[in-house]
């Protein structure tokens, strides 16, 4: 699975990251989802990022992925039907991937894998 960071950020090959032995946490969310927004704002993944993620020991990679194919990527910064700005101030990579829902058999939002 390839993840492009929102904006002009880097591209991540999750399969290669996993093949290297580094586990990944993926928060699959929808920008319109109230429970997703509450979880995002709780700061749990930021804490993990700063302790064992890319901002800490680097033992795990963390990604936030907007997974609703009907939502445009631009809504991640707070436009359209979005609950708010998902990107500004978020320390881990925020990505949009319209194919992830089918790849992981997504049944509900939010989903952590």
PDB file of N, CA and C in Angstrom:
ATOM      1  N   UNK A   1       0.842  -1.162   0.000  1.00  0.00           N
ATOM      2  CA  UNK A   1       0.000   0.000   0.000  1.00  0.00           C
ATOM      3  C   UNK A   1       0.897   1.237   0.000  1.00  0.00           C
ATOM      4  N   UNK A   2       0.594   2.162  -0.877  1.00  0.00           N
ATOM      5  CA  UNK A   2       1.329   3.415  -0.967  1.00  0.00           C
ATOM      6  C   UNK A   2       0.466   4.517  -0.351  1.00  0.00           C
ATOM      7  N   UNK A   3       1.069   5.311   0.519  1.00  0.00           N
ATOM      8  CA  UNK A   3       0.371   6.442   1.131  1.00  0.00           C
ATOM      9  C   UNK A   3       1.107   7.720   0.782  1.00  0.00           C
ATOM     10  N   UNK A   4       0.379   8.692   0.234  1.00  0.00           N
ATOM     11  CA  UNK A   4       0.928  10.017  -0.065  1.00  0.00           C
ATOM     12  C   UNK A   4       0.514  10.954   1.052  1.00  0.00           C
ATOM     13  N   UNK A   5       1.496  11.608   1.671  1.00  0.00           N
ATOM     14  CA  UNK A   5       1.167  12.560   2.720  1.00  0.00           C
ATOM     15  C   UNK A   5       0.429  13.741   2.120  1.00  0.00           C
ATOM     16  N   UNK A   6      -0.551  14.276   2.850  1.00  0.00           N
ATOM     17  CA  UNK A   6      -1.346  15.421   2.413  1.00  0.00           C
ATOM     18  C   UNK A   6      -0.429  16.565   2.003  1.00  0.00           C
ATOM     19  N   UNK A   7      -0.801  17.253   0.941  1.00  0.00           N
ATOM     20  CA  UNK A   7       0.011  18.352   0.434  1.00  0.00           C
ATOM     21  C   UNK A   7       1.167  17.818  -0.389  1.00  0.00           C
ATOM     22  N   UNK A   8       2.310  18.407  -0.215  1.00  0.00           N
ATOM     23  CA  UNK A   8       3.489  18.028  -1.008  1.00  0.00           C
ATOM     24  C   UNK A   8       4.439  17.162  -0.200  1.00  0.00           C
ATOM     25  N   UNK A   9       3.882  16.399   0.730  1.00  0.00           N
ATOM     26  CA  UNK A   9       4.724  15.586   1.597  1.00  0.00           C
ATOM     27  C   UNK A   9       5.261  14.347   0.924  1.00  0.00           C
ATOM     28  N   UNK A  10       6.001  13.550   1.686  1.00  0.00           N
ATOM     29  CA  UNK A  10       6.617  12.342   1.126  1.00  0.00           C
ATOM     30  C   UNK A  10       5.589  11.249   0.826  1.00  0.00           C
ATOM     31  N   UNK A  11       6.041  10.237   0.102  1.00  0.00           N
ATOM     32  CA  UNK A  11       5.254   9.056  -0.210  1.00  0.00           C
ATOM     33  C   UNK A  11       5.792   7.913   0.645  1.00  0.00           C
ATOM     34  N   UNK A  12       4.892   7.145   1.246  1.00  0.00           N
ATOM     35  CA  UNK A  12       5.281   6.034   2.107  1.00  0.00           C
ATOM     36  C   UNK A  12       4.830   4.721   1.491  1.00  0.00           C
ATOM     37  N   UNK A  13       5.733   3.745   1.430  1.00  0.00           N
ATOM     38  CA  UNK A  13       5.413   2.394   0.969  1.00  0.00           C
ATOM     39  C   UNK A  13       5.241   1.541   2.225  1.00  0.00           C
ATOM     40  N   UNK A  14       4.008   1.367   2.647  1.00  0.00           N
ATOM     41  CA  UNK A  14       3.720   0.675   3.896  1.00  0.00           C
ATOM     42  C   UNK A  14       4.207  -0.776   3.841  1.00  0.00           C
ATOM     43  N   UNK A  15       4.073  -1.433   2.695  1.00  0.00           N
ATOM     44  CA  UNK A  15       4.552  -2.811   2.578  1.00  0.00           C
ATOM     45  C   UNK A  15       6.056  -2.898   2.832  1.00  0.00           C
ATOM     46  N   UNK A  16       6.820  -1.963   2.297  1.00  0.00           N
ATOM     47  CA  UNK A  16       8.271  -1.949   2.530  1.00  0.00           C
ATOM     48  C   UNK A  16       8.599  -1.669   3.988  1.00  0.00           C
ATOM     49  N   UNK A  17       7.832  -0.776   4.600  1.00  0.00           N
ATOM     50  CA  UNK A  17       8.048  -0.475   6.024  1.00  0.00           C
ATOM     51  C   UNK A  17       7.803  -1.730   6.855  1.00  0.00           C
ATOM     52  N   UNK A  18       6.704  -2.421   6.571  1.00  0.00           N
ATOM     53  CA  UNK A  18       6.395  -3.654   7.297  1.00  0.00           C
ATOM     54  C   UNK A  18       7.435  -4.738   7.020  1.00  0.00           C
ATOM     55  N   UNK A  19       7.868  -4.854   5.760  1.00  0.00           N
ATOM     56  CA  UNK A  19       8.890  -5.843   5.406  1.00  0.00           C
ATOM     57  C   UNK A  19      10.206  -5.600   6.131  1.00  0.00           C
ATOM     58  N   UNK A  20      10.473  -4.336   6.482  1.00  0.00           N
ATOM     59  CA  UNK A  20      11.708  -4.017   7.205  1.00  0.00           C
ATOM     60  C   UNK A  20      11.615  -4.385   8.684  1.00  0.00           C
ATOM     61  N   UNK A  21      10.422  -4.796   9.127  1.00  0.00           N
ATOM     62  CA  UNK A  21      10.247  -5.184  10.525  1.00  0.00           C
ATOM     63  C   UNK A  21       9.636  -4.108  11.396  1.00  0.00           C
ATOM     64  N   UNK A  22       9.306  -2.967  10.816  1.00  0.00           N
ATOM     65  CA  UNK A  22       8.720  -1.878  11.590  1.00  0.00           C
ATOM     66  C   UNK A  22       7.195  -1.975  11.531  1.00  0.00           C
ATOM     67  N   UNK A  23       6.538  -2.119  12.688  1.00  0.00           N
ATOM     68  CA  UNK A  23       5.076  -2.151  12.682  1.00  0.00           C
ATOM     69  C   UNK A  23       4.493  -0.783  12.338  1.00  0.00           C
ATOM     70  N   UNK A  24       3.269  -0.793  11.821  1.00  0.00           N
ATOM     71  CA  UNK A  24       2.565   0.440  11.458  1.00  0.00           C
ATOM     72  C   UNK A  24       1.212   0.494  12.148  1.00  0.00           C
ATOM     73  N   UNK A  25       0.836   1.674  12.576  1.00  0.00           N
ATOM     74  CA  UNK A  25      -0.509   1.937  13.081  1.00  0.00           C
ATOM     75  C   UNK A  25      -1.167   2.851  12.068  1.00  0.00           C
ATOM     76  N   UNK A  26      -2.326   2.426  11.585  1.00  0.00           N
ATOM     77  CA  UNK A  26      -3.084   3.232  10.627  1.00  0.00           C
ATOM     78  C   UNK A  26      -4.438   3.559  11.234  1.00  0.00           C
ATOM     79  N   UNK A  27      -4.715   4.851  11.351  1.00  0.00           N
ATOM     80  CA  UNK A  27      -6.013   5.338  11.794  1.00  0.00           C
ATOM     81  C   UNK A  27      -6.809   5.670  10.541  1.00  0.00           C
ATOM     82  N   UNK A  28      -7.738   4.791  10.148  1.00  0.00           N
ATOM     83  CA  UNK A  28      -8.583   5.020   8.976  1.00  0.00           C
ATOM     84  C   UNK A  28      -9.823   5.779   9.440  1.00  0.00           C
ATOM     85  N   UNK A  29      -9.992   6.984   8.923  1.00  0.00           N
ATOM     86  CA  UNK A  29     -11.078   7.856   9.372  1.00  0.00           C
ATOM     87  C   UNK A  29     -11.782   8.482   8.182  1.00  0.00           C
ATOM     88  N   UNK A  30     -12.888   9.145   8.470  1.00  0.00           N
ATOM     89  CA  UNK A  30     -13.588   9.962   7.476  1.00  0.00           C
ATOM     90  C   UNK A  30     -13.681  11.370   8.044  1.00  0.00           C
ATOM     91  N   UNK A  31     -13.453  12.373   7.213  1.00  0.00           N
ATOM     92  CA  UNK A  31     -13.415  13.755   7.701  1.00  0.00           C
ATOM     93  C   UNK A  31     -14.735  14.212   8.309  1.00  0.00           C
ATOM     94  N   UNK A  32     -15.850  13.609   7.922  1.00  0.00           N
ATOM     95  CA  UNK A  32     -17.170  13.993   8.413  1.00  0.00           C
ATOM     96  C   UNK A  32     -17.560  13.285   9.707  1.00  0.00           C
ATOM     97  N   UNK A  33     -16.759  12.309  10.137  1.00  0.00           N
ATOM     98  CA  UNK A  33     -17.094  11.419  11.256  1.00  0.00           C
ATOM     99  C   UNK A  33     -16.811  12.072  12.612  1.00  0.00           C
ATOM    100  N   UNK A  34     -17.868  12.303  13.386  1.00  0.00           N
ATOM    101  CA  UNK A  34     -17.726  12.903  14.716  1.00  0.00           C
ATOM    102  C   UNK A  34     -16.864  12.092  15.667  1.00  0.00           C
ATOM    103  N   UNK A  35     -17.096  10.770  15.807  1.00  0.00           N
ATOM    104  CA  UNK A  35     -16.231   9.977  16.678  1.00  0.00           C
ATOM    105  C   UNK A  35     -14.767   9.970  16.217  1.00  0.00           C
ATOM    106  N   UNK A  36     -14.550  10.008  14.912  1.00  0.00           N
ATOM    107  CA  UNK A  36     -13.176  10.073  14.385  1.00  0.00           C
ATOM    108  C   UNK A  36     -12.511  11.374  14.822  1.00  0.00           C
ATOM    109  N   UNK A  37     -13.250  12.468  14.723  1.00  0.00           N
ATOM    110  CA  UNK A  37     -12.744  13.778  15.095  1.00  0.00           C
ATOM    111  C   UNK A  37     -12.417  13.828  16.588  1.00  0.00           C
ATOM    112  N   UNK A  38     -13.291  13.240  17.410  1.00  0.00           N
ATOM    113  CA  UNK A  38     -13.048  13.204  18.860  1.00  0.00           C
ATOM    114  C   UNK A  38     -11.785  12.409  19.175  1.00  0.00           C
ATOM    115  N   UNK A  39     -11.620  11.253  18.524  1.00  0.00           N
ATOM    116  CA  UNK A  39     -10.429  10.443  18.742  1.00  0.00           C
ATOM    117  C   UNK A  39      -9.179  11.194  18.300  1.00  0.00           C
ATOM    118  N   UNK A  40      -9.255  11.829  17.134  1.00  0.00           N
ATOM    119  CA  UNK A  40      -8.120  12.588  16.613  1.00  0.00           C
ATOM    120  C   UNK A  40      -7.694  13.679  17.601  1.00  0.00           C
ATOM    121  N   UNK A  41      -8.656  14.377  18.164  1.00  0.00           N
ATOM    122  CA  UNK A  41      -8.359  15.485  19.078  1.00  0.00           C
ATOM    123  C   UNK A  41      -7.965  15.038  20.484  1.00  0.00           C
ATOM    124  N   UNK A  42      -8.181  13.765  20.804  1.00  0.00           N
ATOM    125  CA  UNK A  42      -7.804  13.261  22.126  1.00  0.00           C
ATOM    126  C   UNK A  42      -6.291  13.198  22.307  1.00  0.00           C
ATOM    127  N   UNK A  43      -5.539  13.140  21.192  1.00  0.00           N
ATOM    128  CA  UNK A  43      -4.080  13.163  21.273  1.00  0.00           C
ATOM    129  C   UNK A  43      -3.420  11.819  21.536  1.00  0.00           C
ATOM    130  N   UNK A  44      -4.167  10.741  21.477  1.00  0.00           N
ATOM    131  CA  UNK A  44      -3.600   9.418  21.757  1.00  0.00           C
ATOM    132  C   UNK A  44      -2.484   9.066  20.781  1.00  0.00           C
ATOM    133  N   UNK A  45      -2.730   9.239  19.488  1.00  0.00           N
ATOM    134  CA  UNK A  45      -1.692   8.886  18.516  1.00  0.00           C
ATOM    135  C   UNK A  45      -0.505   9.841  18.580  1.00  0.00           C
ATOM    136  N   UNK A  46      -0.726  11.081  18.977  1.00  0.00           N
ATOM    137  CA  UNK A  46       0.399  11.999  19.174  1.00  0.00           C
ATOM    138  C   UNK A  46       1.295  11.503  20.294  1.00  0.00           C
ATOM    139  N   UNK A  47       0.689  10.994  21.369  1.00  0.00           N
ATOM    140  CA  UNK A  47       1.476  10.456  22.485  1.00  0.00           C
ATOM    141  C   UNK A  47       2.297   9.258  22.047  1.00  0.00           C
ATOM    142  N   UNK A  48       1.679   8.364  21.266  1.00  0.00           N
ATOM    143  CA  UNK A  48       2.396   7.197  20.762  1.00  0.00           C
ATOM    144  C   UNK A  48       3.517   7.649  19.828  1.00  0.00           C
ATOM    145  N   UNK A  49       3.216   8.606  18.958  1.00  0.00           N
ATOM    146  CA  UNK A  49       4.212   9.145  18.032  1.00  0.00           C
ATOM    147  C   UNK A  49       5.427   9.681  18.786  1.00  0.00           C
ATOM    148  N   UNK A  50       5.175  10.444  19.846  1.00  0.00           N
ATOM    149  CA  UNK A  50       6.264  11.085  20.596  1.00  0.00           C
ATOM    150  C   UNK A  50       7.042  10.117  21.478  1.00  0.00           C
ATOM    151  N   UNK A  51       6.460   8.959  21.786  1.00  0.00           N
ATOM    152  CA  UNK A  51       7.187   8.007  22.623  1.00  0.00           C
ATOM    153  C   UNK A  51       7.854   6.910  21.785  1.00  0.00           C
ATOM    154  N   UNK A  52       7.089   6.177  20.988  1.00  0.00           N
ATOM    155  CA  UNK A  52       7.676   5.070  20.220  1.00  0.00           C
ATOM    156  C   UNK A  52       7.531   5.234  18.706  1.00  0.00           C
ATOM    157  N   UNK A  53       6.917   6.315  18.281  1.00  0.00           N
ATOM    158  CA  UNK A  53       6.746   6.577  16.856  1.00  0.00           C
ATOM    159  C   UNK A  53       7.903   7.361  16.279  1.00  0.00           C
ATOM    160  N   UNK A  54       7.637   8.007  15.127  1.00  0.00           N
ATOM    161  CA  UNK A  54       8.675   8.729  14.411  1.00  0.00           C
ATOM    162  C   UNK A  54       9.267   9.881  15.231  1.00  0.00           C
ATOM    163  N   UNK A  55       8.533  10.410  16.201  1.00  0.00           N
ATOM    164  CA  UNK A  55       9.035  11.496  17.040  1.00  0.00           C
ATOM    165  C   UNK A  55       9.735  11.017  18.299  1.00  0.00           C
ATOM    166  N   UNK A  56       9.781   9.699  18.492  1.00  0.00           N
ATOM    167  CA  UNK A  56      10.434   9.107  19.665  1.00  0.00           C
ATOM    168  C   UNK A  56      11.488   8.111  19.237  1.00  0.00           C
ATOM    169  N   UNK A  57      11.294   6.866  19.614  1.00  0.00           N
ATOM    170  CA  UNK A  57      12.288   5.830  19.322  1.00  0.00           C
ATOM    171  C   UNK A  57      12.248   5.352  17.868  1.00  0.00           C
ATOM    172  N   UNK A  58      11.152   5.604  17.168  1.00  0.00           N
ATOM    173  CA  UNK A  58      11.020   5.146  15.784  1.00  0.00           C
ATOM    174  C   UNK A  58      10.676   3.679  15.661  1.00  0.00           C
ATOM    175  N   UNK A  59      10.221   3.070  16.749  1.00  0.00           N
ATOM    176  CA  UNK A  59       9.912   1.645  16.739  1.00  0.00           C
ATOM    177  C   UNK A  59       8.641   1.317  15.960  1.00  0.00           C
ATOM    178  N   UNK A  60       7.810   2.315  15.717  1.00  0.00           N
ATOM    179  CA  UNK A  60       6.544   2.106  15.012  1.00  0.00           C
ATOM    180  C   UNK A  60       6.278   3.314  14.116  1.00  0.00           C
ATOM    181  N   UNK A  61       5.622   3.087  12.994  1.00  0.00           N
ATOM    182  CA  UNK A  61       5.199   4.182  12.110  1.00  0.00           C
ATOM    183  C   UNK A  61       3.707   4.402  12.316  1.00  0.00           C
ATOM    184  N   UNK A  62       3.291   5.658  12.312  1.00  0.00           N
ATOM    185  CA  UNK A  62       1.885   6.014  12.521  1.00  0.00           C
ATOM    186  C   UNK A  62       1.419   6.842  11.338  1.00  0.00           C
ATOM    187  N   UNK A  63       0.210   6.513  10.858  1.00  0.00           N
ATOM    188  CA  UNK A  63      -0.394   7.242   9.748  1.00  0.00           C
ATOM    189  C   UNK A  63      -1.865   7.484  10.038  1.00  0.00           C
ATOM    190  N   UNK A  64      -2.330   8.674   9.722  1.00  0.00           N
ATOM    191  CA  UNK A  64      -3.753   8.960   9.682  1.00  0.00           C
ATOM    192  C   UNK A  64      -4.166   8.934   8.222  1.00  0.00           C
ATOM    193  N   UNK A  65      -5.226   8.180   7.900  1.00  0.00           N
ATOM    194  CA  UNK A  65      -5.621   8.016   6.505  1.00  0.00           C
ATOM    195  C   UNK A  65      -7.109   8.313   6.335  1.00  0.00           C
ATOM    196  N   UNK A  66      -7.416   9.347   5.576  1.00  0.00           N
ATOM    197  CA  UNK A  66      -8.804   9.629   5.219  1.00  0.00           C
ATOM    198  C   UNK A  66      -9.209   8.558   4.221  1.00  0.00           C
ATOM    199  N   UNK A  67     -10.215   7.760   4.604  1.00  0.00           N
ATOM    200  CA  UNK A  67     -10.526   6.542   3.862  1.00  0.00           C
ATOM    201  C   UNK A  67     -11.844   6.580   3.101  1.00  0.00           C
ATOM    202  N   UNK A  68     -12.572   7.678   3.167  1.00  0.00           N
ATOM    203  CA  UNK A  68     -13.854   7.763   2.466  1.00  0.00           C
ATOM    204  C   UNK A  68     -13.614   8.276   1.046  1.00  0.00           C
ATOM    205  N   UNK A  69     -13.785   7.392   0.071  1.00  0.00           N
ATOM    206  CA  UNK A  69     -13.506   7.739  -1.324  1.00  0.00           C
ATOM    207  C   UNK A  69     -14.414   8.847  -1.851  1.00  0.00           C
ATOM    208  N   UNK A  70     -15.535   9.087  -1.190  1.00  0.00           N
ATOM    209  CA  UNK A  70     -16.445  10.134  -1.665  1.00  0.00           C
ATOM    210  C   UNK A  70     -16.035  11.530  -1.192  1.00  0.00           C
ATOM    211  N   UNK A  71     -15.046  11.611  -0.331  1.00  0.00           N
ATOM    212  CA  UNK A  71     -14.580  12.898   0.185  1.00  0.00           C
ATOM    213  C   UNK A  71     -13.332  13.349  -0.551  1.00  0.00           C
ATOM    214  N   UNK A  72     -13.291  14.601  -1.002  1.00  0.00           N
ATOM    215  CA  UNK A  72     -12.072  15.093  -1.656  1.00  0.00           C
ATOM    216  C   UNK A  72     -10.955  15.311  -0.630  1.00  0.00           C
ATOM    217  N   UNK A  73      -9.724  15.096  -1.071  1.00  0.00           N
ATOM    218  CA  UNK A  73      -8.570  15.275  -0.186  1.00  0.00           C
ATOM    219  C   UNK A  73      -8.547  16.672   0.429  1.00  0.00           C
ATOM    220  N   UNK A  74      -8.982  17.664  -0.311  1.00  0.00           N
ATOM    221  CA  UNK A  74      -8.941  19.048   0.167  1.00  0.00           C
ATOM    222  C   UNK A  74      -9.735  19.245   1.456  1.00  0.00           C
ATOM    223  N   UNK A  75     -10.733  18.402   1.719  1.00  0.00           N
ATOM    224  CA  UNK A  75     -11.538  18.544   2.929  1.00  0.00           C
ATOM    225  C   UNK A  75     -10.763  18.198   4.198  1.00  0.00           C
ATOM    226  N   UNK A  76      -9.578  17.592   4.056  1.00  0.00           N
ATOM    227  CA  UNK A  76      -8.776  17.261   5.234  1.00  0.00           C
ATOM    228  C   UNK A  76      -8.307  18.514   5.958  1.00  0.00           C
ATOM    229  N   UNK A  77      -8.275  19.645   5.263  1.00  0.00           N
ATOM    230  CA  UNK A  77      -7.850  20.880   5.938  1.00  0.00           C
ATOM    231  C   UNK A  77      -9.030  21.694   6.466  1.00  0.00           C
ATOM    232  N   UNK A  78     -10.194  21.071   6.567  1.00  0.00           N
ATOM    233  CA  UNK A  78     -11.332  21.709   7.227  1.00  0.00           C
ATOM    234  C   UNK A  78     -12.438  22.181   6.326  1.00  0.00           C
ATOM    235  N   UNK A  79     -12.364  21.950   5.037  1.00  0.00           N
ATOM    236  CA  UNK A  79     -13.406  22.410   4.129  1.00  0.00           C
ATOM    237  C   UNK A  79     -14.534  21.412   3.982  1.00  0.00           C
ATOM    238  N   UNK A  80     -15.520  21.758   3.192  1.00  0.00           N
ATOM    239  CA  UNK A  80     -16.626  20.863   2.847  1.00  0.00           C
ATOM    240  C   UNK A  80     -17.352  20.322   4.056  1.00  0.00           C
ATOM    241  N   UNK A  81     -17.503  19.005   4.119  1.00  0.00           N
ATOM    242  CA  UNK A  81     -18.237  18.354   5.203  1.00  0.00           C
ATOM    243  C   UNK A  81     -17.343  17.975   6.381  1.00  0.00           C
ATOM    244  N   UNK A  82     -16.110  18.449   6.389  1.00  0.00           N
ATOM    245  CA  UNK A  82     -15.146  18.068   7.412  1.00  0.00           C
ATOM    246  C   UNK A  82     -15.531  18.582   8.792  1.00  0.00           C
ATOM    247  N   UNK A  83     -15.200  17.797   9.811  1.00  0.00           N
ATOM    248  CA  UNK A  83     -15.392  18.199  11.205  1.00  0.00           C
ATOM    249  C   UNK A  83     -14.424  19.317  11.604  1.00  0.00           C
ATOM    250  N   UNK A  84     -13.327  19.460  10.874  1.00  0.00           N
ATOM    251  CA  UNK A  84     -12.318  20.468  11.196  1.00  0.00           C
ATOM    252  C   UNK A  84     -11.049  20.230  10.401  1.00  0.00           C
ATOM    253  N   UNK A  85      -9.993  20.918  10.791  1.00  0.00           N
ATOM    254  CA  UNK A  85      -8.689  20.801  10.128  1.00  0.00           C
ATOM    255  C   UNK A  85      -7.938  19.622  10.735  1.00  0.00           C
ATOM    256  N   UNK A  86      -7.827  18.548   9.981  1.00  0.00           N
ATOM    257  CA  UNK A  86      -7.173  17.322  10.429  1.00  0.00           C
ATOM    258  C   UNK A  86      -5.656  17.411  10.321  1.00  0.00           C
ATOM    259  N   UNK A  87      -5.141  18.316   9.531  1.00  0.00           N
ATOM    260  CA  UNK A  87      -3.732  18.319   9.162  1.00  0.00           C
ATOM    261  C   UNK A  87      -2.887  19.249  10.031  1.00  0.00           C
ATOM    262  N   UNK A  88      -3.315  20.493  10.189  1.00  0.00           N
ATOM    263  CA  UNK A  88      -2.515  21.488  10.906  1.00  0.00           C
ATOM    264  C   UNK A  88      -2.286  21.049  12.347  1.00  0.00           C
ATOM    265  N   UNK A  89      -1.033  20.983  12.731  1.00  0.00           N
ATOM    266  CA  UNK A  89      -0.668  20.624  14.096  1.00  0.00           C
ATOM    267  C   UNK A  89      -0.548  19.136  14.353  1.00  0.00           C
ATOM    268  N   UNK A  90      -0.916  18.314  13.387  1.00  0.00           N
ATOM    269  CA  UNK A  90      -0.792  16.865  13.563  1.00  0.00           C
ATOM    270  C   UNK A  90       0.652  16.461  13.276  1.00  0.00           C
ATOM    271  N   UNK A  91       1.248  15.711  14.212  1.00  0.00           N
ATOM    272  CA  UNK A  91       2.676  15.399  14.105  1.00  0.00           C
ATOM    273  C   UNK A  91       2.967  14.189  13.218  1.00  0.00           C
ATOM    274  N   UNK A  92       2.031  13.271  13.082  1.00  0.00           N
ATOM    275  CA  UNK A  92       2.257  12.088  12.246  1.00  0.00           C
ATOM    276  C   UNK A  92       1.697  12.342  10.845  1.00  0.00           C
ATOM    277  N   UNK A  93       2.156  11.599   9.846  1.00  0.00           N
ATOM    278  CA  UNK A  93       1.693  11.831   8.472  1.00  0.00           C
ATOM    279  C   UNK A  93       0.184  11.628   8.321  1.00  0.00           C
ATOM    280  N   UNK A  94      -0.447  12.576   7.645  1.00  0.00           N
ATOM    281  CA  UNK A  94      -1.873  12.506   7.322  1.00  0.00           C
ATOM    282  C   UNK A  94      -1.991  12.291   5.826  1.00  0.00           C
ATOM    283  N   UNK A  95      -2.719  11.260   5.437  1.00  0.00           N
ATOM    284  CA  UNK A  95      -2.792  10.855   4.041  1.00  0.00           C
ATOM    285  C   UNK A  95      -4.242  10.692   3.607  1.00  0.00           C
ATOM    286  N   UNK A  96      -4.445  10.664   2.319  1.00  0.00           N
ATOM    287  CA  UNK A  96      -5.746  10.362   1.737  1.00  0.00           C
ATOM    288  C   UNK A  96      -5.541   9.156   0.821  1.00  0.00           C
ATOM    289  N   UNK A  97      -6.363   8.129   1.004  1.00  0.00           N
ATOM    290  CA  UNK A  97      -6.241   6.946   0.156  1.00  0.00           C
ATOM    291  C   UNK A  97      -7.639   6.413  -0.112  1.00  0.00           C
ATOM    292  N   UNK A  98      -8.113   6.611  -1.340  1.00  0.00           N
ATOM    293  CA  UNK A  98      -9.469   6.203  -1.696  1.00  0.00           C
ATOM    294  C   UNK A  98      -9.631   4.695  -1.809  1.00  0.00           C
ATOM    295  N   UNK A  99      -8.545   3.946  -1.891  1.00  0.00           N
ATOM    296  CA  UNK A  99      -8.631   2.495  -2.066  1.00  0.00           C
ATOM    297  C   UNK A  99      -8.513   1.721  -0.757  1.00  0.00           C
ATOM    298  N   UNK A 100      -8.109   2.381   0.330  1.00  0.00           N
ATOM    299  CA  UNK A 100      -7.821   1.651   1.561  1.00  0.00           C
ATOM    300  C   UNK A 100      -9.041   0.953   2.144  1.00  0.00           C
ATOM    301  N   UNK A 101     -10.225   1.543   2.018  1.00  0.00           N
ATOM    302  CA  UNK A 101     -11.427   0.938   2.595  1.00  0.00           C
ATOM    303  C   UNK A 101     -11.649  -0.468   2.043  1.00  0.00           C
ATOM    304  N   UNK A 102     -11.488  -0.633   0.750  1.00  0.00           N
ATOM    305  CA  UNK A 102     -11.643  -1.967   0.151  1.00  0.00           C
ATOM    306  C   UNK A 102     -10.503  -2.888   0.543  1.00  0.00           C
ATOM    307  N   UNK A 103      -9.288  -2.356   0.626  1.00  0.00           N
ATOM    308  CA  UNK A 103      -8.123  -3.186   0.942  1.00  0.00           C
ATOM    309  C   UNK A 103      -8.199  -3.773   2.346  1.00  0.00           C
ATOM    310  N   UNK A 104      -8.776  -3.026   3.289  1.00  0.00           N
ATOM    311  CA  UNK A 104      -8.839  -3.501   4.674  1.00  0.00           C
ATOM    312  C   UNK A 104     -10.239  -3.947   5.072  1.00  0.00           C
ATOM    313  N   UNK A 105     -11.161  -4.023   4.107  1.00  0.00           N
ATOM    314  CA  UNK A 105     -12.553  -4.398   4.391  1.00  0.00           C
ATOM    315  C   UNK A 105     -13.142  -3.524   5.493  1.00  0.00           C
ATOM    316  N   UNK A 106     -12.975  -2.226   5.342  1.00  0.00           N
ATOM    317  CA  UNK A 106     -13.419  -1.256   6.336  1.00  0.00           C
ATOM    318  C   UNK A 106     -14.924  -1.356   6.547  1.00  0.00           C
ATOM    319  N   UNK A 107     -15.333  -1.521   7.796  1.00  0.00           N
ATOM    320  CA  UNK A 107     -16.755  -1.651   8.112  1.00  0.00           C
ATOM    321  C   UNK A 107     -17.303  -0.423   8.830  1.00  0.00           C
ATOM    322  N   UNK A 108     -16.435   0.369   9.462  1.00  0.00           N
ATOM    323  CA  UNK A 108     -16.909   1.533  10.220  1.00  0.00           C
ATOM    324  C   UNK A 108     -15.752   2.489  10.451  1.00  0.00           C
ATOM    325  N   UNK A 109     -16.101   3.697  10.816  1.00  0.00           N
ATOM    326  CA  UNK A 109     -15.132   4.741  11.141  1.00  0.00           C
ATOM    327  C   UNK A 109     -15.249   5.077  12.611  1.00  0.00           C
ATOM    328  N   UNK A 110     -14.165   5.368  13.303  1.00  0.00           N
ATOM    329  CA  UNK A 110     -12.781   5.158  12.896  1.00  0.00           C
ATOM    330  C   UNK A 110     -12.413   3.672  13.026  1.00  0.00           C
ATOM    331  N   UNK A 111     -11.398   3.277  12.294  1.00  0.00           N
ATOM    332  CA  UNK A 111     -10.838   1.937  12.394  1.00  0.00           C
ATOM    333  C   UNK A 111      -9.329   2.077  12.560  1.00  0.00           C
ATOM    334  N   UNK A 112      -8.804   1.418  13.579  1.00  0.00           N
ATOM    335  CA  UNK A 112      -7.349   1.386  13.795  1.00  0.00           C
ATOM    336  C   UNK A 112      -6.836   0.016  13.415  1.00  0.00           C
ATOM    337  N   UNK A 113      -5.797   0.005  12.596  1.00  0.00           N
ATOM    338  CA  UNK A 113      -5.143  -1.253  12.244  1.00  0.00           C
ATOM    339  C   UNK A 113      -3.652  -1.109  12.465  1.00  0.00           C
TER     340      UNK A 113
END
